[in-house]
């Protein structure tokens, strides 16, 4: 069985994945760090890391949020 997505659905899922990845990076990797630089460079760095490592960071961040850590 293969999932079939329309063009708009696939783009919406990717935007949701990007937002969740950005959130997860802030909750896991950059949790106790003070980041210096321009706002653009910080956001871009977190977005890239979130998209690349979101598949592992999103579940970890959700588990931490549920457990309260």
Protein backbone atom coordinates (compact mmCIF):
# COMPACT_ATOMS: atom_id res chain seq x y z
CA UNK A 1 0.00 0.00 0.00
CA UNK A 2 1.44 3.35 -1.02
CA UNK A 3 0.32 6.69 0.35
CA UNK A 4 -0.85 9.08 -2.33
CA UNK A 5 -0.61 12.79 -1.58
CA UNK A 6 -1.78 15.68 -3.69
CA UNK A 7 0.61 18.56 -4.31
CA UNK A 8 -0.84 20.85 -1.64
CA UNK A 9 -0.96 18.11 0.97
CA UNK A 10 2.69 17.21 0.52
CA UNK A 11 3.78 20.84 0.85
CA UNK A 12 1.67 21.26 3.98
CA UNK A 13 3.19 18.14 5.55
CA UNK A 14 6.69 19.45 4.83
CA UNK A 15 5.89 22.81 6.45
CA UNK A 16 4.55 21.00 9.54
CA UNK A 17 7.70 18.83 9.58
CA UNK A 18 9.89 21.97 9.38
CA UNK A 19 8.05 23.64 12.26
CA UNK A 20 8.23 20.52 14.42
CA UNK A 21 11.91 20.07 13.54
CA UNK A 22 12.69 23.68 14.50
CA UNK A 23 10.85 23.21 17.79
CA UNK A 24 12.61 19.90 18.46
CA UNK A 25 16.07 21.35 17.83
CA UNK A 26 15.38 24.08 20.38
CA UNK A 27 14.18 21.50 22.91
CA UNK A 28 17.04 19.02 22.44
CA UNK A 29 20.31 20.20 20.88
CA UNK A 30 20.22 23.91 21.73
CA UNK A 31 18.39 23.54 25.02
CA UNK A 32 20.93 25.19 27.33
CA UNK A 33 22.94 27.21 24.84
CA UNK A 34 23.08 30.97 24.35
CA UNK A 35 23.34 31.45 20.61
CA UNK A 36 25.14 34.50 19.26
CA UNK A 37 24.87 35.87 15.76
CA UNK A 38 22.27 37.46 13.60
CA UNK A 39 18.70 36.27 13.98
CA UNK A 40 18.74 35.09 10.38
CA UNK A 41 21.79 32.86 10.88
CA UNK A 42 20.39 31.36 14.08
CA UNK A 43 16.99 30.59 12.52
CA UNK A 44 18.57 29.19 9.34
CA UNK A 45 20.91 26.95 11.34
CA UNK A 46 18.06 25.62 13.48
CA UNK A 47 15.85 25.05 10.42
CA UNK A 48 18.55 23.12 8.54
CA UNK A 49 19.37 20.96 11.54
CA UNK A 50 15.67 20.44 12.20
CA UNK A 51 14.98 19.29 8.65
CA UNK A 52 18.01 17.00 8.54
CA UNK A 53 17.68 15.47 12.01
CA UNK A 54 13.97 15.94 12.61
CA UNK A 55 13.22 12.24 12.15
CA UNK A 56 15.09 11.51 15.41
CA UNK A 57 14.78 14.83 17.30
CA UNK A 58 10.99 15.20 17.03
CA UNK A 59 10.21 11.95 18.91
CA UNK A 60 12.86 12.77 21.55
CA UNK A 61 11.44 16.26 22.09
CA UNK A 62 7.89 14.92 22.36
CA UNK A 63 8.97 12.31 24.92
CA UNK A 64 10.82 14.97 26.92
CA UNK A 65 7.78 17.26 26.82
CA UNK A 66 5.52 14.46 28.06
CA UNK A 67 7.90 13.46 30.85
CA UNK A 68 8.47 17.09 31.82
CA UNK A 69 12.23 17.26 31.31
